[in-house]
Amino acid sequence: MQQTPLISIVDDDEAVREATKSLIRSLGYNAETFGSAEEFLAWTQIERTDCLITDVQMPGLSGMDLQDRLISEGHEMPTIFVTAFPDSKLENRALRGGAIAYLRKPIEESHLLEHIDTALRRRRA
């Protein structure tokens, strides 16, 4: 029996975290939320994450910093970045680091779901 995928959501905006969590759960996936990159990095079950959705700009460690830390610590997981402040240099950096997508807020649900499907296929491969 295959385990239900776990999507981890890292965003300093509680409303965004909860809305994304509700969407993810409505699709039948498990979801965990974190208010900061530091909170996510401190989670003892980080390796359970099948797909990470993270905001780019957050107090403390940014989404880009989070991606760098995960890579340096050997945690490879498909990552989807979301931002209200698109920046082509950050987008290129994220994609070079292996990100699945770099999406602008507000995010179209269909685009997010498409990228989650891609992330989960990549994770299974």
PDB file of N, CA and C in Angstrom:
ATOM      1  N   MET A   1       0.836  -1.185   0.000  1.00  0.00           N
ATOM      2  CA  MET A   1       0.000   0.000   0.000  1.00  0.00           C
ATOM      3  C   MET A   1       0.880   1.248   0.000  1.00  0.00           C
ATOM      4  N   GLN A   2       0.608   2.149  -0.916  1.00  0.00           N
ATOM      5  CA  GLN A   2       1.401   3.364  -1.052  1.00  0.00           C
ATOM      6  C   GLN A   2       0.907   4.417  -0.064  1.00  0.00           C
ATOM      7  N   GLN A   3       1.855   5.114   0.584  1.00  0.00           N
ATOM      8  CA  GLN A   3       1.531   6.139   1.567  1.00  0.00           C
ATOM      9  C   GLN A   3       1.039   7.412   0.871  1.00  0.00           C
ATOM     10  N   THR A   4       0.084   8.105   1.489  1.00  0.00           N
ATOM     11  CA  THR A   4      -0.429   9.353   0.954  1.00  0.00           C
ATOM     12  C   THR A   4       0.690  10.392   0.955  1.00  0.00           C
ATOM     13  N   PRO A   5       0.928  11.070  -0.177  1.00  0.00           N
ATOM     14  CA  PRO A   5       1.991  12.077  -0.242  1.00  0.00           C
ATOM     15  C   PRO A   5       1.798  13.191   0.786  1.00  0.00           C
ATOM     16  N   LEU A   6       2.923  13.692   1.283  1.00  0.00           N
ATOM     17  CA  LEU A   6       2.925  14.787   2.243  1.00  0.00           C
ATOM     18  C   LEU A   6       3.492  16.038   1.579  1.00  0.00           C
ATOM     19  N   ILE A   7       2.703  17.092   1.591  1.00  0.00           N
ATOM     20  CA  ILE A   7       3.119  18.384   1.053  1.00  0.00           C
ATOM     21  C   ILE A   7       3.402  19.294   2.248  1.00  0.00           C
ATOM     22  N   SER A   8       4.610  19.844   2.329  1.00  0.00           N
ATOM     23  CA  SER A   8       4.960  20.794   3.382  1.00  0.00           C
ATOM     24  C   SER A   8       4.862  22.205   2.821  1.00  0.00           C
ATOM     25  N   ILE A   9       4.234  23.082   3.604  1.00  0.00           N
ATOM     26  CA  ILE A   9       3.988  24.457   3.175  1.00  0.00           C
ATOM     27  C   ILE A   9       4.708  25.397   4.142  1.00  0.00           C
ATOM     28  N   VAL A  10       5.607  26.224   3.606  1.00  0.00           N
ATOM     29  CA  VAL A  10       6.350  27.177   4.423  1.00  0.00           C
ATOM     30  C   VAL A  10       6.011  28.583   3.932  1.00  0.00           C
ATOM     31  N   ASP A  11       5.335  29.352   4.798  1.00  0.00           N
ATOM     32  CA  ASP A  11       4.947  30.720   4.437  1.00  0.00           C
ATOM     33  C   ASP A  11       4.711  31.491   5.725  1.00  0.00           C
ATOM     34  N   ASP A  12       5.208  32.703   5.801  1.00  0.00           N
ATOM     35  CA  ASP A  12       5.025  33.506   7.010  1.00  0.00           C
ATOM     36  C   ASP A  12       3.618  34.082   7.123  1.00  0.00           C
ATOM     37  N   ASP A  13       2.833  34.013   6.072  1.00  0.00           N
ATOM     38  CA  ASP A  13       1.456  34.515   6.077  1.00  0.00           C
ATOM     39  C   ASP A  13       0.505  33.370   6.447  1.00  0.00           C
ATOM     40  N   GLU A  14      -0.068  33.450   7.641  1.00  0.00           N
ATOM     41  CA  GLU A  14      -0.918  32.366   8.136  1.00  0.00           C
ATOM     42  C   GLU A  14      -2.110  32.093   7.225  1.00  0.00           C
ATOM     43  N   ALA A  15      -2.725  33.141   6.691  1.00  0.00           N
ATOM     44  CA  ALA A  15      -3.885  32.956   5.815  1.00  0.00           C
ATOM     45  C   ALA A  15      -3.505  32.169   4.562  1.00  0.00           C
ATOM     46  N   VAL A  16      -2.356  32.475   3.995  1.00  0.00           N
ATOM     47  CA  VAL A  16      -1.882  31.748   2.811  1.00  0.00           C
ATOM     48  C   VAL A  16      -1.590  30.291   3.169  1.00  0.00           C
ATOM     49  N   ARG A  17      -0.919  30.082   4.308  1.00  0.00           N
ATOM     50  CA  ARG A  17      -0.612  28.708   4.757  1.00  0.00           C
ATOM     51  C   ARG A  17      -1.885  27.885   4.891  1.00  0.00           C
ATOM     52  N   GLU A  18      -2.873  28.456   5.581  1.00  0.00           N
ATOM     53  CA  GLU A  18      -4.099  27.703   5.844  1.00  0.00           C
ATOM     54  C   GLU A  18      -4.906  27.456   4.578  1.00  0.00           C
ATOM     55  N   ALA A  19      -4.965  28.447   3.685  1.00  0.00           N
ATOM     56  CA  ALA A  19      -5.694  28.261   2.420  1.00  0.00           C
ATOM     57  C   ALA A  19      -5.024  27.189   1.568  1.00  0.00           C
ATOM     58  N   THR A  20      -3.698  27.222   1.510  1.00  0.00           N
ATOM     59  CA  THR A  20      -2.965  26.220   0.727  1.00  0.00           C
ATOM     60  C   THR A  20      -3.143  24.838   1.353  1.00  0.00           C
ATOM     61  N   LYS A  21      -3.074  24.770   2.667  1.00  0.00           N
ATOM     62  CA  LYS A  21      -3.275  23.501   3.374  1.00  0.00           C
ATOM     63  C   LYS A  21      -4.656  22.922   3.073  1.00  0.00           C
ATOM     64  N   SER A  22      -5.696  23.766   3.110  1.00  0.00           N
ATOM     65  CA  SER A  22      -7.056  23.306   2.816  1.00  0.00           C
ATOM     66  C   SER A  22      -7.161  22.761   1.396  1.00  0.00           C
ATOM     67  N   LEU A  23      -6.559  23.461   0.445  1.00  0.00           N
ATOM     68  CA  LEU A  23      -6.569  23.004  -0.946  1.00  0.00           C
ATOM     69  C   LEU A  23      -5.872  21.654  -1.069  1.00  0.00           C
ATOM     70  N   ILE A  24      -4.696  21.537  -0.487  1.00  0.00           N
ATOM     71  CA  ILE A  24      -3.920  20.298  -0.572  1.00  0.00           C
ATOM     72  C   ILE A  24      -4.703  19.135   0.026  1.00  0.00           C
ATOM     73  N   ARG A  25      -5.291  19.350   1.182  1.00  0.00           N
ATOM     74  CA  ARG A  25      -6.056  18.288   1.844  1.00  0.00           C
ATOM     75  C   ARG A  25      -7.314  17.926   1.069  1.00  0.00           C
ATOM     76  N   SER A  26      -7.932  18.909   0.400  1.00  0.00           N
ATOM     77  CA  SER A  26      -9.132  18.618  -0.391  1.00  0.00           C
ATOM     78  C   SER A  26      -8.808  17.702  -1.569  1.00  0.00           C
ATOM     79  N   LEU A  27      -7.546  17.656  -1.946  1.00  0.00           N
ATOM     80  CA  LEU A  27      -7.108  16.793  -3.050  1.00  0.00           C
ATOM     81  C   LEU A  27      -6.701  15.410  -2.562  1.00  0.00           C
ATOM     82  N   GLY A  28      -6.781  15.192  -1.256  1.00  0.00           N
ATOM     83  CA  GLY A  28      -6.471  13.885  -0.710  1.00  0.00           C
ATOM     84  C   GLY A  28      -5.033  13.706  -0.253  1.00  0.00           C
ATOM     85  N   TYR A  29      -4.259  14.785  -0.244  1.00  0.00           N
ATOM     86  CA  TYR A  29      -2.875  14.718   0.223  1.00  0.00           C
ATOM     87  C   TYR A  29      -2.805  15.130   1.689  1.00  0.00           C
ATOM     88  N   ASN A  30      -1.750  14.721   2.353  1.00  0.00           N
ATOM     89  CA  ASN A  30      -1.458  15.212   3.693  1.00  0.00           C
ATOM     90  C   ASN A  30      -0.726  16.542   3.553  1.00  0.00           C
ATOM     91  N   ALA A  31      -0.898  17.422   4.540  1.00  0.00           N
ATOM     92  CA  ALA A  31      -0.220  18.716   4.504  1.00  0.00           C
ATOM     93  C   ALA A  31       0.246  19.092   5.907  1.00  0.00           C
ATOM     94  N   GLU A  32       1.447  19.636   5.972  1.00  0.00           N
ATOM     95  CA  GLU A  32       1.999  20.204   7.200  1.00  0.00           C
ATOM     96  C   GLU A  32       2.356  21.645   6.894  1.00  0.00           C
ATOM     97  N   THR A  33       2.156  22.546   7.858  1.00  0.00           N
ATOM     98  CA  THR A  33       2.465  23.949   7.632  1.00  0.00           C
ATOM     99  C   THR A  33       3.501  24.447   8.628  1.00  0.00           C
ATOM    100  N   PHE A  34       4.271  25.424   8.173  1.00  0.00           N
ATOM    101  CA  PHE A  34       5.345  26.014   8.962  1.00  0.00           C
ATOM    102  C   PHE A  34       5.371  27.511   8.695  1.00  0.00           C
ATOM    103  N   GLY A  35       5.530  28.309   9.741  1.00  0.00           N
ATOM    104  CA  GLY A  35       5.515  29.756   9.629  1.00  0.00           C
ATOM    105  C   GLY A  35       6.838  30.369   9.230  1.00  0.00           C
ATOM    106  N   SER A  36       7.884  29.534   9.167  1.00  0.00           N
ATOM    107  CA  SER A  36       9.205  30.052   8.784  1.00  0.00           C
ATOM    108  C   SER A  36      10.068  28.911   8.279  1.00  0.00           C
ATOM    109  N   ALA A  37      11.113  29.293   7.566  1.00  0.00           N
ATOM    110  CA  ALA A  37      12.081  28.294   7.091  1.00  0.00           C
ATOM    111  C   ALA A  37      12.759  27.630   8.276  1.00  0.00           C
ATOM    112  N   GLU A  38      13.046  28.408   9.313  1.00  0.00           N
ATOM    113  CA  GLU A  38      13.706  27.860  10.495  1.00  0.00           C
ATOM    114  C   GLU A  38      12.837  26.804  11.176  1.00  0.00           C
ATOM    115  N   GLU A  39      11.535  27.066  11.240  1.00  0.00           N
ATOM    116  CA  GLU A  39      10.607  26.104  11.832  1.00  0.00           C
ATOM    117  C   GLU A  39      10.611  24.799  11.034  1.00  0.00           C
ATOM    118  N   PHE A  40      10.592  24.907   9.721  1.00  0.00           N
ATOM    119  CA  PHE A  40      10.625  23.714   8.879  1.00  0.00           C
ATOM    120  C   PHE A  40      11.936  22.940   9.073  1.00  0.00           C
ATOM    121  N   LEU A  41      13.057  23.658   9.090  1.00  0.00           N
ATOM    122  CA  LEU A  41      14.361  22.997   9.247  1.00  0.00           C
ATOM    123  C   LEU A  41      14.495  22.309  10.599  1.00  0.00           C
ATOM    124  N   ALA A  42      13.778  22.787  11.606  1.00  0.00           N
ATOM    125  CA  ALA A  42      13.841  22.189  12.940  1.00  0.00           C
ATOM    126  C   ALA A  42      12.922  20.971  13.085  1.00  0.00           C
ATOM    127  N   TRP A  43      12.053  20.769  12.121  1.00  0.00           N
ATOM    128  CA  TRP A  43      11.104  19.659  12.174  1.00  0.00           C
ATOM    129  C   TRP A  43      11.869  18.337  12.081  1.00  0.00           C
ATOM    130  N   THR A  44      11.585  17.436  12.986  1.00  0.00           N
ATOM    131  CA  THR A  44      12.331  16.174  13.043  1.00  0.00           C
ATOM    132  C   THR A  44      11.912  15.174  11.970  1.00  0.00           C
ATOM    133  N   GLN A  45      10.850  15.476  11.231  1.00  0.00           N
ATOM    134  CA  GLN A  45      10.374  14.546  10.202  1.00  0.00           C
ATOM    135  C   GLN A  45      10.471  15.134   8.798  1.00  0.00           C
ATOM    136  N   ILE A  46      11.437  16.001   8.600  1.00  0.00           N
ATOM    137  CA  ILE A  46      11.595  16.718   7.333  1.00  0.00           C
ATOM    138  C   ILE A  46      11.691  15.762   6.130  1.00  0.00           C
ATOM    139  N   GLU A  47      12.295  14.593   6.343  1.00  0.00           N
ATOM    140  CA  GLU A  47      12.486  13.650   5.235  1.00  0.00           C
ATOM    141  C   GLU A  47      11.171  13.054   4.739  1.00  0.00           C
ATOM    142  N   ARG A  48      10.087  13.228   5.471  1.00  0.00           N
ATOM    143  CA  ARG A  48       8.775  12.733   5.033  1.00  0.00           C
ATOM    144  C   ARG A  48       8.183  13.594   3.922  1.00  0.00           C
ATOM    145  N   THR A  49       8.701  14.792   3.717  1.00  0.00           N
ATOM    146  CA  THR A  49       8.144  15.722   2.739  1.00  0.00           C
ATOM    147  C   THR A  49       8.343  15.200   1.316  1.00  0.00           C
ATOM    148  N   ASP A  50       7.232  15.074   0.598  1.00  0.00           N
ATOM    149  CA  ASP A  50       7.281  14.641  -0.805  1.00  0.00           C
ATOM    150  C   ASP A  50       7.334  15.829  -1.755  1.00  0.00           C
ATOM    151  N   CYS A  51       6.832  16.976  -1.304  1.00  0.00           N
ATOM    152  CA  CYS A  51       6.858  18.206  -2.094  1.00  0.00           C
ATOM    153  C   CYS A  51       6.841  19.372  -1.121  1.00  0.00           C
ATOM    154  N   LEU A  52       7.687  20.356  -1.377  1.00  0.00           N
ATOM    155  CA  LEU A  52       7.757  21.552  -0.549  1.00  0.00           C
ATOM    156  C   LEU A  52       7.215  22.739  -1.333  1.00  0.00           C
ATOM    157  N   ILE A  53       6.294  23.474  -0.714  1.00  0.00           N
ATOM    158  CA  ILE A  53       5.817  24.737  -1.278  1.00  0.00           C
ATOM    159  C   ILE A  53       6.292  25.813  -0.313  1.00  0.00           C
ATOM    160  N   THR A  54       7.115  26.742  -0.807  1.00  0.00           N
ATOM    161  CA  THR A  54       7.660  27.770   0.074  1.00  0.00           C
ATOM    162  C   THR A  54       7.562  29.160  -0.533  1.00  0.00           C
ATOM    163  N   ASP A  55       7.290  30.117   0.349  1.00  0.00           N
ATOM    164  CA  ASP A  55       7.322  31.514  -0.042  1.00  0.00           C
ATOM    165  C   ASP A  55       8.778  31.889  -0.303  1.00  0.00           C
ATOM    166  N   VAL A  56       9.010  32.859  -1.149  1.00  0.00           N
ATOM    167  CA  VAL A  56      10.367  33.318  -1.433  1.00  0.00           C
ATOM    168  C   VAL A  56      10.828  34.279  -0.342  1.00  0.00           C
ATOM    169  N   GLN A  57      10.023  35.302  -0.073  1.00  0.00           N
ATOM    170  CA  GLN A  57      10.431  36.338   0.880  1.00  0.00           C
ATOM    171  C   GLN A  57       9.756  36.120   2.226  1.00  0.00           C
ATOM    172  N   MET A  58      10.584  35.851   3.236  1.00  0.00           N
ATOM    173  CA  MET A  58      10.107  35.669   4.601  1.00  0.00           C
ATOM    174  C   MET A  58      11.135  36.279   5.540  1.00  0.00           C
ATOM    175  N   PRO A  59      10.703  36.697   6.731  1.00  0.00           N
ATOM    176  CA  PRO A  59      11.677  37.156   7.732  1.00  0.00           C
ATOM    177  C   PRO A  59      12.632  36.008   8.076  1.00  0.00           C
ATOM    178  N   GLY A  60      13.838  36.332   8.454  1.00  0.00           N
ATOM    179  CA  GLY A  60      14.815  35.283   8.749  1.00  0.00           C
ATOM    180  C   GLY A  60      15.305  34.673   7.452  1.00  0.00           C
ATOM    181  N   LEU A  61      15.342  33.356   7.405  1.00  0.00           N
ATOM    182  CA  LEU A  61      15.772  32.672   6.183  1.00  0.00           C
ATOM    183  C   LEU A  61      14.718  32.819   5.097  1.00  0.00           C
ATOM    184  N   SER A  62      15.141  33.191   3.914  1.00  0.00           N
ATOM    185  CA  SER A  62      14.223  33.288   2.774  1.00  0.00           C
ATOM    186  C   SER A  62      13.994  31.894   2.191  1.00  0.00           C
ATOM    187  N   GLY A  63      13.071  31.813   1.259  1.00  0.00           N
ATOM    188  CA  GLY A  63      12.849  30.548   0.562  1.00  0.00           C
ATOM    189  C   GLY A  63      14.094  30.087  -0.180  1.00  0.00           C
ATOM    190  N   MET A  64      14.839  31.044  -0.730  1.00  0.00           N
ATOM    191  CA  MET A  64      16.088  30.714  -1.432  1.00  0.00           C
ATOM    192  C   MET A  64      17.114  30.143  -0.444  1.00  0.00           C
ATOM    193  N   ASP A  65      17.214  30.781   0.727  1.00  0.00           N
ATOM    194  CA  ASP A  65      18.127  30.276   1.764  1.00  0.00           C
ATOM    195  C   ASP A  65      17.716  28.869   2.191  1.00  0.00           C
ATOM    196  N   LEU A  66      16.411  28.657   2.308  1.00  0.00           N
ATOM    197  CA  LEU A  66      15.896  27.343   2.681  1.00  0.00           C
ATOM    198  C   LEU A  66      16.316  26.299   1.658  1.00  0.00           C
ATOM    199  N   GLN A  67      16.152  26.609   0.380  1.00  0.00           N
ATOM    200  CA  GLN A  67      16.547  25.683  -0.675  1.00  0.00           C
ATOM    201  C   GLN A  67      18.041  25.347  -0.558  1.00  0.00           C
ATOM    202  N   ASP A  68      18.867  26.373  -0.354  1.00  0.00           N
ATOM    203  CA  ASP A  68      20.312  26.152  -0.215  1.00  0.00           C
ATOM    204  C   ASP A  68      20.626  25.245   0.968  1.00  0.00           C
ATOM    205  N   ARG A  69      19.977  25.490   2.104  1.00  0.00           N
ATOM    206  CA  ARG A  69      20.219  24.678   3.299  1.00  0.00           C
ATOM    207  C   ARG A  69      19.790  23.234   3.084  1.00  0.00           C
ATOM    208  N   LEU A  70      18.637  23.043   2.484  1.00  0.00           N
ATOM    209  CA  LEU A  70      18.155  21.684   2.233  1.00  0.00           C
ATOM    210  C   LEU A  70      19.129  20.919   1.350  1.00  0.00           C
ATOM    211  N   ILE A  71      19.606  21.560   0.305  1.00  0.00           N
ATOM    212  CA  ILE A  71      20.556  20.926  -0.605  1.00  0.00           C
ATOM    213  C   ILE A  71      21.846  20.602   0.138  1.00  0.00           C
ATOM    214  N   SER A  72      22.364  21.556   0.920  1.00  0.00           N
ATOM    215  CA  SER A  72      23.632  21.336   1.626  1.00  0.00           C
ATOM    216  C   SER A  72      23.513  20.255   2.700  1.00  0.00           C
ATOM    217  N   GLU A  73      22.303  20.055   3.237  1.00  0.00           N
ATOM    218  CA  GLU A  73      22.090  19.029   4.262  1.00  0.00           C
ATOM    219  C   GLU A  73      21.638  17.696   3.669  1.00  0.00           C
ATOM    220  N   GLY A  74      21.586  17.620   2.340  1.00  0.00           N
ATOM    221  CA  GLY A  74      21.256  16.357   1.677  1.00  0.00           C
ATOM    222  C   GLY A  74      19.775  16.035   1.608  1.00  0.00           C
ATOM    223  N   HIS A  75      18.933  17.023   1.832  1.00  0.00           N
ATOM    224  CA  HIS A  75      17.481  16.813   1.724  1.00  0.00           C
ATOM    225  C   HIS A  75      17.043  17.247   0.336  1.00  0.00           C
ATOM    226  N   GLU A  76      16.885  16.287  -0.541  1.00  0.00           N
ATOM    227  CA  GLU A  76      16.440  16.616  -1.895  1.00  0.00           C
ATOM    228  C   GLU A  76      14.956  16.363  -1.989  1.00  0.00           C
ATOM    229  N   MET A  77      14.207  17.429  -2.232  1.00  0.00           N
ATOM    230  CA  MET A  77      12.762  17.298  -2.385  1.00  0.00           C
ATOM    231  C   MET A  77      12.299  18.283  -3.454  1.00  0.00           C
ATOM    232  N   PRO A  78      11.338  17.877  -4.250  1.00  0.00           N
ATOM    233  CA  PRO A  78      10.804  18.804  -5.249  1.00  0.00           C
ATOM    234  C   PRO A  78      10.225  20.029  -4.545  1.00  0.00           C
ATOM    235  N   THR A  79      10.580  21.215  -5.054  1.00  0.00           N
ATOM    236  CA  THR A  79      10.187  22.456  -4.410  1.00  0.00           C
ATOM    237  C   THR A  79       9.469  23.379  -5.389  1.00  0.00           C
ATOM    238  N   ILE A  80       8.398  23.979  -4.883  1.00  0.00           N
ATOM    239  CA  ILE A  80       7.638  24.975  -5.631  1.00  0.00           C
ATOM    240  C   ILE A  80       7.746  26.283  -4.854  1.00  0.00           C
ATOM    241  N   PHE A  81       8.255  27.312  -5.516  1.00  0.00           N
ATOM    242  CA  PHE A  81       8.369  28.628  -4.889  1.00  0.00           C
ATOM    243  C   PHE A  81       7.159  29.470  -5.262  1.00  0.00           C
ATOM    244  N   VAL A  82       6.690  30.268  -4.293  1.00  0.00           N
ATOM    245  CA  VAL A  82       5.609  31.216  -4.547  1.00  0.00           C
ATOM    246  C   VAL A  82       6.064  32.583  -4.044  1.00  0.00           C
ATOM    247  N   THR A  83       5.658  33.620  -4.744  1.00  0.00           N
ATOM    248  CA  THR A  83       6.082  34.964  -4.347  1.00  0.00           C
ATOM    249  C   THR A  83       5.085  36.018  -4.794  1.00  0.00           C
ATOM    250  N   ALA A  84       4.991  37.058  -3.993  1.00  0.00           N
ATOM    251  CA  ALA A  84       4.201  38.226  -4.375  1.00  0.00           C
ATOM    252  C   ALA A  84       5.081  39.257  -5.072  1.00  0.00           C
ATOM    253  N   PHE A  85       6.403  39.026  -5.040  1.00  0.00           N
ATOM    254  CA  PHE A  85       7.370  39.969  -5.600  1.00  0.00           C
ATOM    255  C   PHE A  85       8.297  39.252  -6.578  1.00  0.00           C
ATOM    256  N   PRO A  86       7.813  38.952  -7.793  1.00  0.00           N
ATOM    257  CA  PRO A  86       8.625  38.207  -8.748  1.00  0.00           C
ATOM    258  C   PRO A  86       9.930  38.926  -9.073  1.00  0.00           C
ATOM    259  N   ASP A  87      10.962  38.131  -9.228  1.00  0.00           N
ATOM    260  CA  ASP A  87      12.295  38.646  -9.525  1.00  0.00           C
ATOM    261  C   ASP A  87      12.971  37.617 -10.422  1.00  0.00           C
ATOM    262  N   SER A  88      13.331  38.016 -11.629  1.00  0.00           N
ATOM    263  CA  SER A  88      13.881  37.053 -12.592  1.00  0.00           C
ATOM    264  C   SER A  88      15.191  36.430 -12.110  1.00  0.00           C
ATOM    265  N   LYS A  89      16.015  37.186 -11.381  1.00  0.00           N
ATOM    266  CA  LYS A  89      17.269  36.615 -10.879  1.00  0.00           C
ATOM    267  C   LYS A  89      16.988  35.530  -9.847  1.00  0.00           C
ATOM    268  N   LEU A  90      16.035  35.785  -8.947  1.00  0.00           N
ATOM    269  CA  LEU A  90      15.682  34.770  -7.953  1.00  0.00           C
ATOM    270  C   LEU A  90      15.020  33.566  -8.613  1.00  0.00           C
ATOM    271  N   GLU A  91      14.195  33.826  -9.612  1.00  0.00           N
ATOM    272  CA  GLU A  91      13.556  32.724 -10.332  1.00  0.00           C
ATOM    273  C   GLU A  91      14.612  31.829 -10.985  1.00  0.00           C
ATOM    274  N   ASN A  92      15.586  32.441 -11.650  1.00  0.00           N
ATOM    275  CA  ASN A  92      16.654  31.654 -12.286  1.00  0.00           C
ATOM    276  C   ASN A  92      17.442  30.862 -11.253  1.00  0.00           C
ATOM    277  N   ARG A  93      17.738  31.494 -10.108  1.00  0.00           N
ATOM    278  CA  ARG A  93      18.464  30.813  -9.034  1.00  0.00           C
ATOM    279  C   ARG A  93      17.675  29.607  -8.521  1.00  0.00           C
ATOM    280  N   ALA A  94      16.374  29.800  -8.306  1.00  0.00           N
ATOM    281  CA  ALA A  94      15.523  28.717  -7.808  1.00  0.00           C
ATOM    282  C   ALA A  94      15.496  27.552  -8.792  1.00  0.00           C
ATOM    283  N   LEU A  95      15.305  27.867 -10.063  1.00  0.00           N
ATOM    284  CA  LEU A  95      15.214  26.817 -11.076  1.00  0.00           C
ATOM    285  C   LEU A  95      16.550  26.107 -11.274  1.00  0.00           C
ATOM    286  N   ARG A  96      17.659  26.862 -11.203  1.00  0.00           N
ATOM    287  CA  ARG A  96      18.982  26.230 -11.284  1.00  0.00           C
ATOM    288  C   ARG A  96      19.217  25.283 -10.106  1.00  0.00           C
ATOM    289  N   GLY A  97      18.598  25.615  -8.966  1.00  0.00           N
ATOM    290  CA  GLY A  97      18.723  24.779  -7.777  1.00  0.00           C
ATOM    291  C   GLY A  97      17.806  23.574  -7.803  1.00  0.00           C
ATOM    292  N   GLY A  98      17.045  23.420  -8.878  1.00  0.00           N
ATOM    293  CA  GLY A  98      16.209  22.233  -9.026  1.00  0.00           C
ATOM    294  C   GLY A  98      14.737  22.436  -8.726  1.00  0.00           C
ATOM    295  N   ALA A  99      14.306  23.678  -8.533  1.00  0.00           N
ATOM    296  CA  ALA A  99      12.887  23.932  -8.245  1.00  0.00           C
ATOM    297  C   ALA A  99      11.999  23.474  -9.394  1.00  0.00           C
ATOM    298  N   ILE A 100      10.820  23.029  -9.043  1.00  0.00           N
ATOM    299  CA  ILE A 100       9.815  22.626 -10.029  1.00  0.00           C
ATOM    300  C   ILE A 100       9.205  23.857 -10.694  1.00  0.00           C
ATOM    301  N   ALA A 101       8.941  24.891  -9.872  1.00  0.00           N
ATOM    302  CA  ALA A 101       8.269  26.084 -10.401  1.00  0.00           C
ATOM    303  C   ALA A 101       8.527  27.282  -9.508  1.00  0.00           C
ATOM    304  N   TYR A 102       8.309  28.454 -10.079  1.00  0.00           N
ATOM    305  CA  TYR A 102       8.424  29.741  -9.393  1.00  0.00           C
ATOM    306  C   TYR A 102       7.158  30.492  -9.767  1.00  0.00           C
ATOM    307  N   LEU A 103       6.181  30.519  -8.860  1.00  0.00           N
ATOM    308  CA  LEU A 103       4.849  31.031  -9.173  1.00  0.00           C
ATOM    309  C   LEU A 103       4.569  32.362  -8.492  1.00  0.00           C
ATOM    310  N   ARG A 104       3.786  33.198  -9.171  1.00  0.00           N
ATOM    311  CA  ARG A 104       3.391  34.499  -8.629  1.00  0.00           C
ATOM    312  C   ARG A 104       2.095  34.369  -7.843  1.00  0.00           C
ATOM    313  N   LYS A 105       2.051  35.058  -6.696  1.00  0.00           N
ATOM    314  CA  LYS A 105       0.805  35.151  -5.927  1.00  0.00           C
ATOM    315  C   LYS A 105      -0.057  36.239  -6.549  1.00  0.00           C
ATOM    316  N   PRO A 106      -1.348  36.126  -6.574  1.00  0.00           N
ATOM    317  CA  PRO A 106      -2.096  34.955  -6.146  1.00  0.00           C
ATOM    318  C   PRO A 106      -1.927  33.826  -7.162  1.00  0.00           C
ATOM    319  N   ILE A 107      -1.871  32.637  -6.654  1.00  0.00           N
ATOM    320  CA  ILE A 107      -1.595  31.468  -7.490  1.00  0.00           C
ATOM    321  C   ILE A 107      -2.900  30.879  -8.011  1.00  0.00           C
ATOM    322  N   GLU A 108      -2.899  30.590  -9.293  1.00  0.00           N
ATOM    323  CA  GLU A 108      -4.038  29.892  -9.871  1.00  0.00           C
ATOM    324  C   GLU A 108      -3.981  28.452  -9.406  1.00  0.00           C
ATOM    325  N   GLU A 109      -5.080  27.977  -8.824  1.00  0.00           N
ATOM    326  CA  GLU A 109      -5.115  26.622  -8.280  1.00  0.00           C
ATOM    327  C   GLU A 109      -4.691  25.583  -9.311  1.00  0.00           C
ATOM    328  N   SER A 110      -5.167  25.729 -10.535  1.00  0.00           N
ATOM    329  CA  SER A 110      -4.858  24.728 -11.557  1.00  0.00           C
ATOM    330  C   SER A 110      -3.356  24.665 -11.832  1.00  0.00           C
ATOM    331  N   HIS A 111      -2.677  25.823 -11.813  1.00  0.00           N
ATOM    332  CA  HIS A 111      -1.229  25.830 -12.037  1.00  0.00           C
ATOM    333  C   HIS A 111      -0.506  25.173 -10.876  1.00  0.00           C
ATOM    334  N   LEU A 112      -0.931  25.481  -9.664  1.00  0.00           N
ATOM    335  CA  LEU A 112      -0.303  24.872  -8.495  1.00  0.00           C
ATOM    336  C   LEU A 112      -0.474  23.360  -8.534  1.00  0.00           C
ATOM    337  N   LEU A 113      -1.672  22.904  -8.831  1.00  0.00           N
ATOM    338  CA  LEU A 113      -1.944  21.466  -8.854  1.00  0.00           C
ATOM    339  C   LEU A 113      -1.128  20.758  -9.937  1.00  0.00           C
ATOM    340  N   GLU A 114      -0.993  21.401 -11.062  1.00  0.00           N
ATOM    341  CA  GLU A 114      -0.175  20.861 -12.155  1.00  0.00           C
ATOM    342  C   GLU A 114       1.277  20.658 -11.682  1.00  0.00           C
ATOM    343  N   HIS A 115       1.806  21.646 -10.980  1.00  0.00           N
ATOM    344  CA  HIS A 115       3.188  21.563 -10.510  1.00  0.00           C
ATOM    345  C   HIS A 115       3.345  20.570  -9.361  1.00  0.00           C
ATOM    346  N   ILE A 116       2.327  20.441  -8.522  1.00  0.00           N
ATOM    347  CA  ILE A 116       2.371  19.418  -7.465  1.00  0.00           C
ATOM    348  C   ILE A 116       2.423  18.036  -8.100  1.00  0.00           C
ATOM    349  N   ASP A 117       1.597  17.808  -9.122  1.00  0.00           N
ATOM    350  CA  ASP A 117       1.623  16.517  -9.822  1.00  0.00           C
ATOM    351  C   ASP A 117       3.016  16.242 -10.391  1.00  0.00           C
ATOM    352  N   THR A 118       3.633  17.246 -11.005  1.00  0.00           N
ATOM    353  CA  THR A 118       4.987  17.098 -11.546  1.00  0.00           C
ATOM    354  C   THR A 118       5.966  16.763 -10.422  1.00  0.00           C
ATOM    355  N   ALA A 119       5.845  17.469  -9.306  1.00  0.00           N
ATOM    356  CA  ALA A 119       6.743  17.240  -8.167  1.00  0.00           C
ATOM    357  C   ALA A 119       6.606  15.812  -7.640  1.00  0.00           C
ATOM    358  N   LEU A 120       5.396  15.336  -7.510  1.00  0.00           N
ATOM    359  CA  LEU A 120       5.190  13.995  -6.967  1.00  0.00           C
ATOM    360  C   LEU A 120       5.662  12.917  -7.941  1.00  0.00           C
ATOM    361  N   ARG A 121       5.509  13.164  -9.240  1.00  0.00           N
ATOM    362  CA  ARG A 121       6.044  12.215 -10.227  1.00  0.00           C
ATOM    363  C   ARG A 121       7.564  12.186 -10.128  1.00  0.00           C
ATOM    364  N   ARG A 122       8.183  13.365  -9.970  1.00  0.00           N
ATOM    365  CA  ARG A 122       9.641  13.435  -9.839  1.00  0.00           C
ATOM    366  C   ARG A 122      10.109  12.721  -8.570  1.00  0.00           C
ATOM    367  N   ARG A 123       9.352  12.890  -7.498  1.00  0.00           N
ATOM    368  CA  ARG A 123       9.727  12.278  -6.214  1.00  0.00           C
ATOM    369  C   ARG A 123       9.684  10.746  -6.312  1.00  0.00           C
ATOM    370  N   ARG A 124       8.693  10.225  -7.030  1.00  0.00           N
ATOM    371  CA  ARG A 124       8.566   8.767  -7.174  1.00  0.00           C
ATOM    372  C   ARG A 124       9.651   8.170  -8.071  1.00  0.00           C
ATOM    373  N   ALA A 125      10.166   8.995  -8.993  1.00  0.00           N
ATOM    374  CA  ALA A 125      11.160   8.497  -9.976  1.00  0.00           C
ATOM    375  C   ALA A 125      12.505   8.211  -9.358  1.00  0.00           C
TER     376      ALA A 125
END
